Amino acid sequence: MIALIQRVTEASVEVDGATVGAIGAGLLALVGVQPADGAAQAQRLLERVLGYRVFADAQGRMNRSLADTGGGLLLVSQFTLAADTRAGTRAGFSTAAAPEAARHWFEYLVELARARHPGVEIGRFGAHMQVRLVNDGPVTFWLETR
């Protein structure tokens, strides 16, 4: 599983003009599922997302995690993160999980997240979404489980 996490002051997702998920300060995580992903990868990714130190401590250093701050978490499925972009000018998607499997493991990740952290919001799997965010920093990290 892959997550592109961004520290935000706010983020939201709209589908057909309606807001389906929104958070204040916290993390926006764009999530890509790969064919070999399963429960172990979802659990490990969540541990990393919740525990990754991206928020400032009293000295201004990134030493605090989302679990420490209690900020919001907006999870948005994004299959293009798993694309093969090594050659040419068009991405290949054989490196992304099939839609049914991706939905299953994304929803499993959401279930785990909601059981462990307050304030979890989501986009809509498979929908054309407009994601709005104010990246704080900017601070953006690529997390991947293998």
C-alpha atoms as a PDB file:
ATOM      1  CA  MET A   1       0.000   0.000   0.000  1.00  0.00           C
ATOM      2  CA  ILE A   2       1.076   3.521  -0.715  1.00  0.00           C
ATOM      3  CA  ALA A   3       0.119   6.745   1.021  1.00  0.00           C
ATOM      4  CA  LEU A   4       1.067  10.234   0.009  1.00  0.00           C
ATOM      5  CA  ILE A   5       0.511  12.152   3.235  1.00  0.00           C
ATOM      6  CA  GLN A   6       0.261  15.912   3.443  1.00  0.00           C
ATOM      7  CA  ARG A   7       0.153  17.979   6.602  1.00  0.00           C
ATOM      8  CA  VAL A   8      -2.800  20.317   6.182  1.00  0.00           C
ATOM      9  CA  THR A   9      -4.533  23.152   7.986  1.00  0.00           C
ATOM     10  CA  GLU A  10      -7.716  21.980   6.252  1.00  0.00           C
ATOM     11  CA  ALA A  11      -8.782  19.561   3.528  1.00  0.00           C
ATOM     12  CA  SER A  12     -12.024  18.431   1.924  1.00  0.00           C
ATOM     13  CA  VAL A  13     -13.392  16.189  -0.810  1.00  0.00           C
ATOM     14  CA  GLU A  14     -16.356  16.975  -3.050  1.00  0.00           C
ATOM     15  CA  VAL A  15     -18.290  14.645  -5.331  1.00  0.00           C
ATOM     16  CA  ASP A  16     -20.865  16.149  -7.704  1.00  0.00           C
ATOM     17  CA  GLY A  17     -20.683  19.470  -5.839  1.00  0.00           C
ATOM     18  CA  ALA A  18     -21.371  17.970  -2.401  1.00  0.00           C
ATOM     19  CA  THR A  19     -18.760  17.716   0.354  1.00  0.00           C
ATOM     20  CA  VAL A  20     -18.345  14.067   1.337  1.00  0.00           C
ATOM     21  CA  GLY A  21     -15.430  14.484   3.757  1.00  0.00           C
ATOM     22  CA  ALA A  22     -13.654  17.380   5.455  1.00  0.00           C
ATOM     23  CA  ILE A  23     -11.098  17.946   8.211  1.00  0.00           C
ATOM     24  CA  GLY A  24      -9.384  20.845   9.907  1.00  0.00           C
ATOM     25  CA  ALA A  25      -5.722  20.575  10.885  1.00  0.00           C
ATOM     26  CA  GLY A  26      -4.288  17.107  10.390  1.00  0.00           C
ATOM     27  CA  LEU A  27      -3.294  14.811   7.538  1.00  0.00           C
ATOM     28  CA  LEU A  28      -4.647  14.205   4.076  1.00  0.00           C
ATOM     29  CA  ALA A  29      -3.622  10.715   2.954  1.00  0.00           C
ATOM     30  CA  LEU A  30      -4.000   9.768  -0.708  1.00  0.00           C
ATOM     31  CA  VAL A  31      -3.968   5.957  -0.718  1.00  0.00           C
ATOM     32  CA  GLY A  32      -3.037   3.555  -3.512  1.00  0.00           C
ATOM     33  CA  VAL A  33      -3.537  -0.208  -3.273  1.00  0.00           C
ATOM     34  CA  GLN A  34      -1.241  -2.660  -5.052  1.00  0.00           C
ATOM     35  CA  PRO A  35      -2.097  -6.240  -6.132  1.00  0.00           C
ATOM     36  CA  ALA A  36      -0.204  -8.002  -3.319  1.00  0.00           C
ATOM     37  CA  ASP A  37      -1.653  -5.800  -0.553  1.00  0.00           C
ATOM     38  CA  GLY A  38      -3.691  -7.266   2.265  1.00  0.00           C
ATOM     39  CA  ALA A  39      -4.436  -6.908   5.958  1.00  0.00           C
ATOM     40  CA  ALA A  40      -0.793  -6.734   7.020  1.00  0.00           C
ATOM     41  CA  GLN A  41      -0.025  -3.905   4.603  1.00  0.00           C
ATOM     42  CA  ALA A  42      -3.136  -1.958   5.662  1.00  0.00           C
ATOM     43  CA  GLN A  43      -2.248  -2.327   9.332  1.00  0.00           C
ATOM     44  CA  ARG A  44       1.362  -1.285   8.766  1.00  0.00           C
ATOM     45  CA  LEU A  45       0.377   1.684   6.638  1.00  0.00           C
ATOM     46  CA  LEU A  46      -2.050   2.893   9.292  1.00  0.00           C
ATOM     47  CA  GLU A  47       0.636   2.577  11.989  1.00  0.00           C
ATOM     48  CA  ARG A  48       2.942   4.698   9.884  1.00  0.00           C
ATOM     49  CA  VAL A  49       0.295   7.311   9.018  1.00  0.00           C
ATOM     50  CA  LEU A  50      -0.768   7.710  12.647  1.00  0.00           C
ATOM     51  CA  GLY A  51       2.780   7.578  14.004  1.00  0.00           C
ATOM     52  CA  TYR A  52       4.750   9.544  11.403  1.00  0.00           C
ATOM     53  CA  ARG A  53       6.198  12.629  13.053  1.00  0.00           C
ATOM     54  CA  VAL A  54       5.199  15.595  10.892  1.00  0.00           C
ATOM     55  CA  PHE A  55       3.872  18.081  13.446  1.00  0.00           C
ATOM     56  CA  ALA A  56       5.981  20.585  15.344  1.00  0.00           C
ATOM     57  CA  ASP A  57       6.931  20.193  18.982  1.00  0.00           C
ATOM     58  CA  ALA A  58       7.576  23.138  21.334  1.00  0.00           C
ATOM     59  CA  GLN A  59      10.974  23.695  19.676  1.00  0.00           C
ATOM     60  CA  GLY A  60       9.493  23.766  16.173  1.00  0.00           C
ATOM     61  CA  ARG A  61      10.892  20.349  15.187  1.00  0.00           C
ATOM     62  CA  MET A  62       8.755  17.708  13.493  1.00  0.00           C
ATOM     63  CA  ASN A  63       8.564  15.401  16.505  1.00  0.00           C
ATOM     64  CA  ARG A  64       4.823  14.944  16.952  1.00  0.00           C
ATOM     65  CA  SER A  65       2.550  12.519  15.144  1.00  0.00           C
ATOM     66  CA  LEU A  66      -1.127  12.580  14.265  1.00  0.00           C
ATOM     67  CA  ALA A  67      -1.698  10.226  17.203  1.00  0.00           C
ATOM     68  CA  ASP A  68      -0.002  12.817  19.455  1.00  0.00           C
ATOM     69  CA  THR A  69      -1.960  15.806  18.150  1.00  0.00           C
ATOM     70  CA  GLY A  70      -5.371  14.178  17.660  1.00  0.00           C
ATOM     71  CA  GLY A  71      -5.777  16.037  14.360  1.00  0.00           C
ATOM     72  CA  GLY A  72      -8.117  15.011  11.570  1.00  0.00           C
ATOM     73  CA  LEU A  73      -7.360  12.305   9.016  1.00  0.00           C
ATOM     74  CA  LEU A  74      -8.824  12.448   5.521  1.00  0.00           C
ATOM     75  CA  LEU A  75      -8.322   9.186   3.590  1.00  0.00           C
ATOM     76  CA  VAL A  76      -8.802   9.365  -0.177  1.00  0.00           C
ATOM     77  CA  SER A  77      -8.389   6.409  -2.524  1.00  0.00           C
ATOM     78  CA  GLN A  78      -6.164   7.188  -5.505  1.00  0.00           C
ATOM     79  CA  PHE A  79      -5.251   4.284  -7.784  1.00  0.00           C
ATOM     80  CA  THR A  80      -2.877   6.431  -9.838  1.00  0.00           C
ATOM     81  CA  LEU A  81      -0.348   6.337  -6.971  1.00  0.00           C
ATOM     82  CA  ALA A  82       0.301   2.696  -7.852  1.00  0.00           C
ATOM     83  CA  ALA A  83       0.899   3.437 -11.546  1.00  0.00           C
ATOM     84  CA  ASP A  84       3.987   2.275 -13.392  1.00  0.00           C
ATOM     85  CA  THR A  85       5.639   5.465 -14.661  1.00  0.00           C
ATOM     86  CA  ARG A  86       9.113   4.101 -15.404  1.00  0.00           C
ATOM     87  CA  ALA A  87       8.926   4.446 -19.175  1.00  0.00           C
ATOM     88  CA  GLY A  88       7.160   6.401 -21.871  1.00  0.00           C
ATOM     89  CA  THR A  89       4.722   9.238 -21.462  1.00  0.00           C
ATOM     90  CA  ARG A  90       1.644   7.314 -20.347  1.00  0.00           C
ATOM     91  CA  ALA A  91       1.238   5.484 -17.043  1.00  0.00           C
ATOM     92  CA  GLY A  92       0.508   1.772 -16.880  1.00  0.00           C
ATOM     93  CA  PHE A  93      -1.874   0.470 -14.246  1.00  0.00           C
ATOM     94  CA  SER A  94      -1.028  -3.245 -14.039  1.00  0.00           C
ATOM     95  CA  THR A  95       0.827  -2.339 -10.841  1.00  0.00           C
ATOM     96  CA  ALA A  96      -2.422  -1.155  -9.187  1.00  0.00           C
ATOM     97  CA  ALA A  97      -4.863  -3.551  -7.548  1.00  0.00           C
ATOM     98  CA  ALA A  98      -8.051  -4.457  -9.400  1.00  0.00           C
ATOM     99  CA  PRO A  99     -10.966  -2.217  -8.354  1.00  0.00           C
ATOM    100  CA  GLU A 100     -12.741  -4.885  -6.256  1.00  0.00           C
ATOM    101  CA  ALA A 101      -9.597  -5.740  -4.275  1.00  0.00           C
ATOM    102  CA  ALA A 102      -8.604  -2.094  -3.943  1.00  0.00           C
ATOM    103  CA  ARG A 103     -12.050  -1.192  -2.584  1.00  0.00           C
ATOM    104  CA  HIS A 104     -11.914  -4.048  -0.088  1.00  0.00           C
ATOM    105  CA  TRP A 105      -8.477  -3.123   1.289  1.00  0.00           C
ATOM    106  CA  PHE A 106      -9.168   0.616   1.267  1.00  0.00           C
ATOM    107  CA  GLU A 107     -12.381   0.048   3.241  1.00  0.00           C
ATOM    108  CA  TYR A 108     -10.458  -2.227   5.621  1.00  0.00           C
ATOM    109  CA  LEU A 109      -7.915   0.573   6.143  1.00  0.00           C
ATOM    110  CA  VAL A 110     -10.764   3.014   6.882  1.00  0.00           C
ATOM    111  CA  GLU A 111     -12.301   0.575   9.371  1.00  0.00           C
ATOM    112  CA  LEU A 112      -8.970   0.192  11.177  1.00  0.00           C
ATOM    113  CA  ALA A 113      -8.399   3.944  11.195  1.00  0.00           C
ATOM    114  CA  ARG A 114     -11.829   4.713  12.640  1.00  0.00           C
ATOM    115  CA  ALA A 115     -11.280   2.154  15.396  1.00  0.00           C
ATOM    116  CA  ARG A 116      -7.975   3.771  16.402  1.00  0.00           C
ATOM    117  CA  HIS A 117      -8.316   7.490  15.720  1.00  0.00           C
ATOM    118  CA  PRO A 118     -11.077  10.083  16.124  1.00  0.00           C
ATOM    119  CA  GLY A 119     -11.981  12.390  13.278  1.00  0.00           C
ATOM    120  CA  VAL A 120     -11.433  10.099  10.282  1.00  0.00           C
ATOM    121  CA  GLU A 121     -13.129  11.287   7.094  1.00  0.00           C
ATOM    122  CA  ILE A 122     -13.023   9.743   3.628  1.00  0.00           C
ATOM    123  CA  GLY A 123     -13.555  10.490  -0.026  1.00  0.00           C
ATOM    124  CA  ARG A 124     -15.777   8.265  -2.175  1.00  0.00           C
ATOM    125  CA  PHE A 125     -14.079   5.228  -3.663  1.00  0.00           C
ATOM    126  CA  GLY A 126     -14.145   5.178  -7.457  1.00  0.00           C
ATOM    127  CA  ALA A 127     -15.804   8.584  -7.786  1.00  0.00           C
ATOM    128  CA  HIS A 128     -14.462  11.585  -9.642  1.00  0.00           C
ATOM    129  CA  MET A 129     -13.466  13.757  -6.681  1.00  0.00           C
ATOM    130  CA  GLN A 130     -12.312  17.309  -6.193  1.00  0.00           C
ATOM    131  CA  VAL A 131      -9.815  17.372  -3.345  1.00  0.00           C
ATOM    132  CA  ARG A 132      -9.085  20.722  -1.747  1.00  0.00           C
ATOM    133  CA  LEU A 133      -6.311  21.260   0.744  1.00  0.00           C
ATOM    134  CA  VAL A 134      -4.138  23.841   2.367  1.00  0.00           C
ATOM    135  CA  ASN A 135      -0.779  22.115   2.669  1.00  0.00           C
ATOM    136  CA  ASP A 136       0.911  23.329   5.842  1.00  0.00           C
ATOM    137  CA  GLY A 137       4.621  23.850   5.231  1.00  0.00           C
ATOM    138  CA  PRO A 138       4.404  22.407   2.616  1.00  0.00           C
ATOM    139  CA  VAL A 139       4.968  19.058   4.278  1.00  0.00           C
ATOM    140  CA  THR A 140       4.445  15.988   2.073  1.00  0.00           C
ATOM    141  CA  PHE A 141       5.776  12.433   2.507  1.00  0.00           C
ATOM    142  CA  TRP A 142       5.522   9.211   0.474  1.00  0.00           C
ATOM    143  CA  LEU A 143       4.910   6.125   2.651  1.00  0.00           C
ATOM    144  CA  GLU A 144       4.932   2.631   1.224  1.00  0.00           C
ATOM    145  CA  THR A 145       4.555  -0.866   2.662  1.00  0.00           C
ATOM    146  CA  ARG A 146       5.945  -3.871   0.869  1.00  0.00           C
END
